Protein backbone atom coordinates (compact mmCIF):
# COMPACT_ATOMS: atom_id res chain seq x y z
CA UNK A 1 177.27 86.24 162.21
CA UNK A 2 176.90 88.16 165.55
CA UNK A 3 174.53 91.15 165.58
CA UNK A 4 176.10 94.52 164.88
CA UNK A 5 175.69 97.03 167.69
CA UNK A 6 176.09 100.76 167.45
CA UNK A 7 179.06 102.50 169.08
CA UNK A 8 176.62 104.39 171.31
CA UNK A 9 175.01 101.14 172.52
CA UNK A 10 178.45 99.69 173.29
CA UNK A 11 179.44 102.84 175.17
CA UNK A 12 176.24 102.71 177.25
CA UNK A 13 176.85 99.04 178.11
CA UNK A 14 180.37 99.94 179.22
CA UNK A 15 179.05 102.76 181.41
CA UNK A 16 176.43 100.49 183.02
CA UNK A 17 178.99 97.76 183.67
CA UNK A 18 181.52 100.25 185.04
CA UNK A 19 178.93 101.85 187.33
CA UNK A 20 178.26 98.46 188.91
CA UNK A 21 181.95 97.55 189.06
CA UNK A 22 182.98 100.83 190.72
CA UNK A 23 180.14 100.68 193.25
CA UNK A 24 181.19 97.19 194.27
CA UNK A 25 185.00 97.35 194.15
CA UNK A 26 185.98 101.00 194.19
CA UNK A 27 188.35 102.56 191.71
CA UNK A 28 191.52 100.70 192.67
CA UNK A 29 189.69 97.37 192.93
CA UNK A 30 187.71 97.75 189.70
CA UNK A 31 189.03 95.76 186.74
CA UNK A 32 188.67 96.84 183.13
CA UNK A 33 188.59 93.21 182.00
CA UNK A 34 185.54 92.55 184.22
CA UNK A 35 183.88 95.73 182.92
CA UNK A 36 184.54 94.63 179.33
CA UNK A 37 183.21 91.11 179.97
CA UNK A 38 180.06 92.45 181.63
CA UNK A 39 179.56 94.94 178.77
CA UNK A 40 180.08 92.14 176.20
CA UNK A 41 182.97 93.93 174.56
CA UNK A 42 186.76 93.90 174.63
CA UNK A 43 189.18 95.58 177.01
CA UNK A 44 190.62 97.43 173.99
CA UNK A 45 187.17 98.78 173.12
CA UNK A 46 186.76 100.13 176.67
CA UNK A 47 190.05 102.00 176.31
CA UNK A 48 189.01 103.24 172.88
CA UNK A 49 186.10 105.05 174.54
CA UNK A 50 187.77 106.04 177.82
CA UNK A 51 191.40 107.08 178.29
CA UNK A 52 191.75 105.53 181.74
CA UNK A 53 189.89 103.85 184.55
CA UNK A 54 189.96 107.14 186.49
CA UNK A 55 188.51 109.07 183.52
CA UNK A 56 185.73 106.48 183.27
CA UNK A 57 185.01 106.82 186.99
CA UNK A 58 184.95 110.64 186.81
CA UNK A 59 182.43 110.52 183.96
CA UNK A 60 180.20 108.11 185.88
CA UNK A 61 180.45 110.14 189.09
CA UNK A 62 179.49 113.26 187.13
CA UNK A 63 176.44 111.47 185.75
CA UNK A 64 175.53 110.29 189.23
CA UNK A 65 175.83 113.81 190.65
CA UNK A 66 173.47 115.05 187.94
CA UNK A 67 171.00 112.26 188.81
CA UNK A 68 171.20 113.13 192.52
CA UNK A 69 170.66 116.83 191.80
CA UNK A 70 167.63 116.06 189.63
CA UNK A 71 166.13 113.66 192.18
CA UNK A 72 166.71 115.82 195.26
CA UNK A 73 166.73 119.49 194.16
CA UNK A 74 168.59 121.56 196.77
CA UNK A 75 166.48 124.52 197.92
CA UNK A 76 168.36 126.84 200.31
CA UNK A 77 164.99 127.94 201.71
CA UNK A 78 164.15 124.33 202.67
CA UNK A 79 167.33 122.51 203.70
CA UNK A 80 165.42 120.05 205.94
CA UNK A 81 163.30 118.97 202.96
CA UNK A 82 166.45 118.62 200.86
CA UNK A 83 168.08 116.50 203.57
CA UNK A 84 165.02 114.24 203.61
CA UNK A 85 165.18 113.78 199.84
CA UNK A 86 168.92 112.99 200.03
CA UNK A 87 168.23 110.48 202.80
CA UNK A 88 165.56 108.84 200.65
CA UNK A 89 167.82 108.72 197.61
CA UNK A 90 170.80 107.17 199.38
CA UNK A 91 168.84 104.68 201.49
CA UNK A 92 166.97 103.57 198.37
CA UNK A 93 170.21 103.38 196.33
CA UNK A 94 173.04 102.45 198.74
CA UNK A 95 175.16 101.27 195.80
CA UNK A 96 175.13 104.82 194.43
CA UNK A 97 176.21 106.16 197.81
CA UNK A 98 179.13 103.68 197.78
CA UNK A 99 179.98 104.68 194.21
CA UNK A 100 180.37 108.33 195.23
CA UNK A 101 182.30 107.52 198.40
CA UNK A 102 184.98 105.62 196.49
CA UNK A 103 185.94 108.81 194.66
CA UNK A 104 186.30 110.71 197.92
CA UNK A 105 188.54 107.95 199.28
CA UNK A 106 190.68 107.18 196.26
CA UNK A 107 191.00 110.19 193.97
CA UNK A 108 193.05 113.31 194.47
CA UNK A 109 190.75 116.20 193.51
CA UNK A 110 193.79 118.29 192.58
CA UNK A 111 194.59 115.87 189.75
CA UNK A 112 191.55 116.82 187.66
CA UNK A 113 190.69 120.43 186.94
CA UNK A 114 187.22 119.42 185.80
CA UNK A 115 186.36 117.21 188.78
CA UNK A 116 182.53 116.99 188.88
CA UNK A 117 182.39 116.71 192.67
CA UNK A 118 184.37 119.92 193.14
CA UNK A 119 182.23 121.74 190.57
CA UNK A 120 179.00 120.55 192.22
CA UNK A 121 180.21 121.57 195.68
CA UNK A 122 181.24 125.01 194.41
CA UNK A 123 177.79 125.54 192.91
CA UNK A 124 176.01 124.54 196.13
CA UNK A 125 178.27 126.72 198.23
CA UNK A 126 177.55 129.71 196.01
CA UNK A 127 173.77 129.13 196.20
CA UNK A 128 173.96 128.97 200.00
CA UNK A 129 176.10 132.10 200.14
CA UNK A 130 173.50 133.99 198.08
CA UNK A 131 170.72 132.69 200.34
CA UNK A 132 172.64 134.04 203.34
CA UNK A 133 173.07 137.40 201.63
CA UNK A 134 169.33 137.45 200.90
CA UNK A 135 168.52 136.78 204.56
CA UNK A 136 167.14 133.28 203.96
CA UNK A 137 169.80 131.43 205.96
CA UNK A 138 171.79 132.22 209.10
CA UNK A 139 174.98 133.96 207.88
CA UNK A 140 177.05 132.80 210.87
CA UNK A 141 177.64 129.39 209.20
CA UNK A 142 180.30 129.04 206.53
CA UNK A 143 178.45 127.66 203.47
CA UNK A 144 180.99 124.86 203.06
CA UNK A 145 180.19 123.66 206.58
CA UNK A 146 176.47 123.71 205.76
CA UNK A 147 177.00 121.54 202.66
CA UNK A 148 179.31 119.03 204.33
CA UNK A 149 177.32 118.68 207.56
CA UNK A 150 174.00 118.47 205.73
CA UNK A 151 175.33 115.80 203.36
CA UNK A 152 176.77 113.76 206.23
CA UNK A 153 173.54 113.91 208.22
CA UNK A 154 171.37 113.11 205.19
CA UNK A 155 173.51 110.15 204.13
CA UNK A 156 174.12 108.84 207.64
CA UNK A 157 171.73 105.87 207.29
CA UNK A 158 172.95 104.84 203.83
CA UNK A 159 175.78 102.89 205.43
CA UNK A 160 173.77 101.44 208.30
CA UNK A 161 170.89 99.65 206.58
CA UNK A 162 171.92 96.49 208.42
CA UNK A 163 170.67 98.04 211.68
CA UNK A 164 167.11 98.27 210.36
CA UNK A 165 164.69 95.48 211.33
CA UNK A 166 164.16 92.74 208.75
CA UNK A 167 160.34 92.68 208.51
CA UNK A 168 159.02 95.00 205.81
CA UNK A 169 156.41 96.89 207.90
CA UNK A 170 158.73 97.18 210.90
CA UNK A 171 161.61 98.22 208.66
CA UNK A 172 159.46 100.87 206.98
CA UNK A 173 158.47 102.38 210.34
CA UNK A 174 162.10 102.30 211.48
CA UNK A 175 163.33 104.08 208.35
CA UNK A 176 160.53 106.67 208.56
CA UNK A 177 161.73 107.48 212.07
CA UNK A 178 165.33 107.76 210.84
CA UNK A 179 164.21 110.10 208.06
CA UNK A 180 162.34 112.25 210.58
CA UNK A 181 165.49 112.42 212.73
CA UNK A 182 167.55 113.56 209.71
CA UNK A 183 165.02 116.26 208.78
CA UNK A 184 164.73 117.43 212.40
CA UNK A 185 168.52 117.60 212.87
CA UNK A 186 168.96 119.73 209.77
CA UNK A 187 166.02 121.97 210.74
CA UNK A 188 167.62 122.62 214.11
CA UNK A 189 171.06 123.28 212.71
CA UNK A 190 170.06 125.35 209.68
CA UNK A 191 166.64 126.92 210.22
CA UNK A 192 165.26 129.17 207.55
CA UNK A 193 165.39 132.79 208.68
CA UNK A 194 162.10 134.25 209.87
CA UNK A 195 160.73 136.90 207.50
CA UNK A 196 161.63 140.40 208.66
């Protein structure tokens, strides 16, 4: 007789399998039957836990956003440091960068009122707006431009790992220089205001 597994263990296996599937194939290309096979369960069981493939993706992207926030910690008083941490996260985990990009490409944010990406962006924009009001950041930038430009600069090398040299020491020096360029670019664009 096969071992009995808890519903929670099955759900976690489905989430792990779906995370890998979405990162590799996107939302449209992901297949529930492959997710079920990888999770060692049935397609019907996947649908018993998750109403649709899109709902499953939104849950996973929300979890990933929480992991990114915990690993990188946006500090409006140190946006260059934040950009460096984002760069590190995405160059270390390019599959997670791909996972998040698929949602931007394939989902209509207007279709889900509780879209985790929209909620995260709104929270960051509000924090930046308060930092501007407190005199920490230059108020001439629209906070949404700060978030989008900073994210694009920080993640710029996540999609270009193939340009890095192959040797480990040479590659490490190359990526350190790329990180320094990211931090420097953000420091120039969004310097912290000098104390009055």
